[in-house]
Amino acid sequence: MIKSELIQKISEENPHLFQRDVERLVSTVFSEITSAMSSGRRIEIRGFGAFSVKNRKPRVGRNPRTGSRVEVEEKFVPFFKPGKFLRDKLNQ
């Protein structure tokens, strides 16, 4: 599902809301999640899961094409851990 499909689904299920308000709501939620993660905080949505940031330390990798050594810099990557309800729903 992409963002526009999510907005459309929420709008269909809530006909009393204007689509522009739903768009603003979804954009606000996503921007708040993004800003919280960029500042290193963890976000938990009960029943769905938790978003956090993991640190990948610098390491020596290999170029798969040439086999030469490549220095990979330290980086931060997003991490999602599904909640129990979501895991149970997927494994029914």
N, C-alpha and C. Protein backbone atom coordinates (compact mmCIF):
# COMPACT_ATOMS: atom_id res chain seq x y z
N MET A 1 0.85 -1.17 0.00
CA MET A 1 0.00 0.00 0.00
C MET A 1 0.89 1.24 0.00
N ILE A 2 0.55 2.19 -0.83
CA ILE A 2 1.29 3.44 -0.86
C ILE A 2 0.47 4.53 -0.17
N LYS A 3 1.10 5.67 0.04
CA LYS A 3 0.49 6.74 0.82
C LYS A 3 -0.87 7.16 0.24
N SER A 4 -0.96 7.31 -1.06
CA SER A 4 -2.23 7.74 -1.66
C SER A 4 -3.33 6.69 -1.47
N GLU A 5 -2.97 5.40 -1.49
CA GLU A 5 -3.96 4.35 -1.24
C GLU A 5 -4.43 4.39 0.21
N LEU A 6 -3.52 4.67 1.13
CA LEU A 6 -3.88 4.79 2.54
C LEU A 6 -4.85 5.95 2.74
N ILE A 7 -4.56 7.08 2.11
CA ILE A 7 -5.43 8.25 2.22
C ILE A 7 -6.80 7.93 1.65
N GLN A 8 -6.84 7.27 0.50
CA GLN A 8 -8.10 6.90 -0.13
C GLN A 8 -8.91 5.96 0.77
N LYS A 9 -8.27 4.97 1.36
CA LYS A 9 -8.96 4.00 2.22
C LYS A 9 -9.54 4.69 3.46
N ILE A 10 -8.75 5.56 4.08
CA ILE A 10 -9.24 6.28 5.28
C ILE A 10 -10.41 7.18 4.90
N SER A 11 -10.32 7.84 3.75
CA SER A 11 -11.40 8.72 3.29
C SER A 11 -12.68 7.94 3.03
N GLU A 12 -12.55 6.75 2.44
CA GLU A 12 -13.73 5.92 2.16
C GLU A 12 -14.39 5.42 3.45
N GLU A 13 -13.58 5.08 4.44
CA GLU A 13 -14.12 4.56 5.69
C GLU A 13 -14.66 5.66 6.61
N ASN A 14 -14.29 6.90 6.32
CA ASN A 14 -14.74 8.04 7.14
C ASN A 14 -15.30 9.12 6.21
N PRO A 15 -16.50 8.92 5.68
CA PRO A 15 -17.05 9.88 4.71
C PRO A 15 -17.33 11.27 5.30
N HIS A 16 -17.36 11.37 6.61
CA HIS A 16 -17.60 12.66 7.24
C HIS A 16 -16.35 13.55 7.23
N LEU A 17 -15.19 12.99 6.87
CA LEU A 17 -13.95 13.76 6.79
C LEU A 17 -13.67 14.17 5.35
N PHE A 18 -13.14 15.38 5.19
CA PHE A 18 -12.72 15.83 3.86
C PHE A 18 -11.40 15.15 3.50
N GLN A 19 -11.23 14.88 2.21
CA GLN A 19 -10.01 14.20 1.79
C GLN A 19 -8.77 15.04 2.08
N ARG A 20 -8.87 16.37 1.94
CA ARG A 20 -7.70 17.23 2.22
C ARG A 20 -7.29 17.15 3.69
N ASP A 21 -8.28 16.95 4.59
CA ASP A 21 -7.97 16.80 6.01
C ASP A 21 -7.28 15.46 6.28
N VAL A 22 -7.74 14.42 5.59
CA VAL A 22 -7.12 13.10 5.74
C VAL A 22 -5.68 13.15 5.22
N GLU A 23 -5.46 13.81 4.08
CA GLU A 23 -4.11 13.96 3.53
C GLU A 23 -3.20 14.67 4.52
N ARG A 24 -3.71 15.74 5.12
CA ARG A 24 -2.92 16.49 6.09
C ARG A 24 -2.62 15.65 7.33
N LEU A 25 -3.59 14.86 7.78
CA LEU A 25 -3.42 13.99 8.94
C LEU A 25 -2.34 12.94 8.67
N VAL A 26 -2.43 12.24 7.54
CA VAL A 26 -1.46 11.21 7.20
C VAL A 26 -0.06 11.82 7.05
N SER A 27 0.03 12.96 6.37
CA SER A 27 1.33 13.62 6.20
C SER A 27 1.92 14.04 7.54
N THR A 28 1.08 14.53 8.44
CA THR A 28 1.54 14.94 9.77
C THR A 28 2.06 13.75 10.56
N VAL A 29 1.34 12.64 10.52
CA VAL A 29 1.78 11.44 11.24
C VAL A 29 3.13 10.97 10.71
N PHE A 30 3.26 10.89 9.38
CA PHE A 30 4.52 10.44 8.79
C PHE A 30 5.66 11.41 9.10
N SER A 31 5.40 12.70 9.06
CA SER A 31 6.48 13.66 9.34
C SER A 31 6.89 13.61 10.81
N GLU A 32 5.94 13.37 11.71
CA GLU A 32 6.28 13.25 13.13
C GLU A 32 7.11 11.98 13.39
N ILE A 33 6.75 10.89 12.73
CA ILE A 33 7.54 9.66 12.87
C ILE A 33 8.95 9.89 12.35
N THR A 34 9.05 10.54 11.19
CA THR A 34 10.36 10.81 10.58
C THR A 34 11.21 11.72 11.47
N SER A 35 10.62 12.79 11.99
CA SER A 35 11.40 13.71 12.81
C SER A 35 11.82 13.06 14.13
N ALA A 36 10.95 12.23 14.71
CA ALA A 36 11.31 11.55 15.95
C ALA A 36 12.46 10.58 15.72
N MET A 37 12.39 9.83 14.62
CA MET A 37 13.46 8.88 14.33
C MET A 37 14.76 9.59 13.99
N SER A 38 14.68 10.72 13.30
CA SER A 38 15.91 11.44 12.95
C SER A 38 16.59 12.02 14.18
N SER A 39 15.83 12.23 15.26
CA SER A 39 16.45 12.70 16.50
C SER A 39 16.81 11.54 17.43
N GLY A 40 16.63 10.29 16.93
CA GLY A 40 17.07 9.12 17.69
C GLY A 40 16.04 8.53 18.63
N ARG A 41 14.82 9.03 18.59
CA ARG A 41 13.78 8.51 19.48
C ARG A 41 13.09 7.29 18.88
N ARG A 42 12.43 6.53 19.73
CA ARG A 42 11.69 5.32 19.34
C ARG A 42 10.21 5.65 19.29
N ILE A 43 9.50 5.11 18.30
CA ILE A 43 8.08 5.33 18.17
C ILE A 43 7.37 4.00 18.30
N GLU A 44 6.37 3.94 19.17
CA GLU A 44 5.62 2.70 19.35
C GLU A 44 4.15 2.97 19.06
N ILE A 45 3.59 2.15 18.18
CA ILE A 45 2.16 2.19 17.88
C ILE A 45 1.59 0.88 18.40
N ARG A 46 0.83 0.96 19.49
CA ARG A 46 0.34 -0.24 20.17
C ARG A 46 -0.45 -1.13 19.20
N GLY A 47 -0.16 -2.42 19.24
CA GLY A 47 -0.83 -3.37 18.38
C GLY A 47 -0.24 -3.47 16.99
N PHE A 48 0.58 -2.50 16.60
CA PHE A 48 1.17 -2.52 15.27
C PHE A 48 2.66 -2.83 15.34
N GLY A 49 3.40 -2.01 16.07
CA GLY A 49 4.82 -2.26 16.20
C GLY A 49 5.58 -1.02 16.65
N ALA A 50 6.90 -1.14 16.61
CA ALA A 50 7.76 -0.05 17.07
C ALA A 50 8.81 0.26 16.01
N PHE A 51 9.02 1.54 15.78
CA PHE A 51 10.05 2.01 14.88
C PHE A 51 11.21 2.54 15.71
N SER A 52 12.42 2.20 15.33
CA SER A 52 13.59 2.72 16.02
C SER A 52 14.73 2.87 15.01
N VAL A 53 15.84 3.38 15.50
CA VAL A 53 17.02 3.59 14.66
C VAL A 53 18.15 2.73 15.19
N LYS A 54 18.77 1.98 14.31
CA LYS A 54 19.92 1.15 14.68
C LYS A 54 21.19 1.75 14.09
N ASN A 55 22.27 1.57 14.83
CA ASN A 55 23.57 2.08 14.38
C ASN A 55 24.37 0.93 13.77
N ARG A 56 24.81 1.12 12.55
CA ARG A 56 25.69 0.13 11.91
C ARG A 56 27.10 0.68 11.96
N LYS A 57 27.99 -0.04 12.60
CA LYS A 57 29.36 0.41 12.78
C LYS A 57 30.13 0.35 11.46
N PRO A 58 31.21 1.13 11.37
CA PRO A 58 32.02 1.06 10.15
C PRO A 58 32.65 -0.33 10.00
N ARG A 59 32.82 -0.75 8.76
CA ARG A 59 33.37 -2.09 8.53
C ARG A 59 34.07 -2.11 7.18
N VAL A 60 34.74 -3.20 6.92
CA VAL A 60 35.38 -3.42 5.63
C VAL A 60 34.50 -4.39 4.85
N GLY A 61 34.06 -3.95 3.67
CA GLY A 61 33.24 -4.80 2.82
C GLY A 61 34.00 -5.15 1.55
N ARG A 62 33.35 -5.83 0.68
CA ARG A 62 33.95 -6.21 -0.60
C ARG A 62 33.03 -5.81 -1.74
N ASN A 63 33.63 -5.31 -2.80
CA ASN A 63 32.90 -5.02 -4.01
C ASN A 63 32.60 -6.36 -4.68
N PRO A 64 31.32 -6.73 -4.87
CA PRO A 64 31.02 -8.04 -5.42
C PRO A 64 31.49 -8.23 -6.87
N ARG A 65 31.61 -7.15 -7.60
CA ARG A 65 32.01 -7.25 -8.99
C ARG A 65 33.52 -7.46 -9.14
N THR A 66 34.30 -6.69 -8.36
CA THR A 66 35.75 -6.76 -8.51
C THR A 66 36.44 -7.55 -7.40
N GLY A 67 35.75 -7.70 -6.25
CA GLY A 67 36.36 -8.40 -5.13
C GLY A 67 37.28 -7.53 -4.30
N SER A 68 37.42 -6.24 -4.68
CA SER A 68 38.31 -5.36 -3.93
C SER A 68 37.68 -4.94 -2.60
N ARG A 69 38.53 -4.59 -1.63
CA ARG A 69 38.07 -4.16 -0.31
C ARG A 69 37.49 -2.75 -0.41
N VAL A 70 36.42 -2.53 0.34
CA VAL A 70 35.76 -1.22 0.35
C VAL A 70 35.47 -0.86 1.80
N GLU A 71 35.84 0.36 2.19
CA GLU A 71 35.52 0.85 3.53
C GLU A 71 34.07 1.32 3.55
N VAL A 72 33.26 0.73 4.43
CA VAL A 72 31.86 1.13 4.58
C VAL A 72 31.77 1.97 5.83
N GLU A 73 31.27 3.20 5.68
CA GLU A 73 31.19 4.13 6.80
C GLU A 73 30.08 3.75 7.77
N GLU A 74 30.16 4.30 8.98
CA GLU A 74 29.12 4.12 9.98
C GLU A 74 27.84 4.76 9.46
N LYS A 75 26.70 4.12 9.73
CA LYS A 75 25.43 4.70 9.30
C LYS A 75 24.31 4.27 10.23
N PHE A 76 23.25 5.03 10.19
CA PHE A 76 22.06 4.75 10.97
C PHE A 76 20.97 4.28 10.02
N VAL A 77 20.28 3.21 10.40
CA VAL A 77 19.24 2.64 9.55
C VAL A 77 17.94 2.48 10.34
N PRO A 78 16.79 2.67 9.67
CA PRO A 78 15.52 2.48 10.37
C PRO A 78 15.29 1.00 10.64
N PHE A 79 14.61 0.71 11.74
CA PHE A 79 14.34 -0.65 12.14
C PHE A 79 12.89 -0.73 12.61
N PHE A 80 12.17 -1.77 12.19
CA PHE A 80 10.78 -1.95 12.59
C PHE A 80 10.64 -3.30 13.27
N LYS A 81 10.04 -3.28 14.45
CA LYS A 81 9.76 -4.53 15.16
C LYS A 81 8.24 -4.64 15.28
N PRO A 82 7.65 -5.64 14.62
CA PRO A 82 6.19 -5.77 14.67
C PRO A 82 5.70 -6.12 16.07
N GLY A 83 4.51 -5.64 16.39
CA GLY A 83 3.89 -5.94 17.68
C GLY A 83 3.27 -7.33 17.67
N LYS A 84 2.89 -7.81 18.84
CA LYS A 84 2.33 -9.15 18.98
C LYS A 84 1.05 -9.31 18.16
N PHE A 85 0.17 -8.32 18.19
CA PHE A 85 -1.08 -8.40 17.45
C PHE A 85 -0.83 -8.56 15.95
N LEU A 86 0.10 -7.78 15.42
CA LEU A 86 0.42 -7.85 14.00
C LEU A 86 1.04 -9.21 13.64
N ARG A 87 1.95 -9.68 14.47
CA ARG A 87 2.56 -11.01 14.21
C ARG A 87 1.50 -12.10 14.24
N ASP A 88 0.61 -12.05 15.22
CA ASP A 88 -0.45 -13.06 15.32
C ASP A 88 -1.39 -12.99 14.11
N LYS A 89 -1.70 -11.80 13.66
CA LYS A 89 -2.59 -11.61 12.52
C LYS A 89 -1.94 -12.17 11.25
N LEU A 90 -0.66 -11.99 11.08
CA LEU A 90 0.05 -12.48 9.90
C LEU A 90 0.20 -14.00 9.91
N ASN A 91 0.25 -14.60 11.09
CA ASN A 91 0.50 -16.03 11.20
C ASN A 91 -0.75 -16.86 11.51
N GLN A 92 -1.90 -16.34 11.17
CA GLN A 92 -3.16 -17.07 11.40
C GLN A 92 -3.28 -18.23 10.43
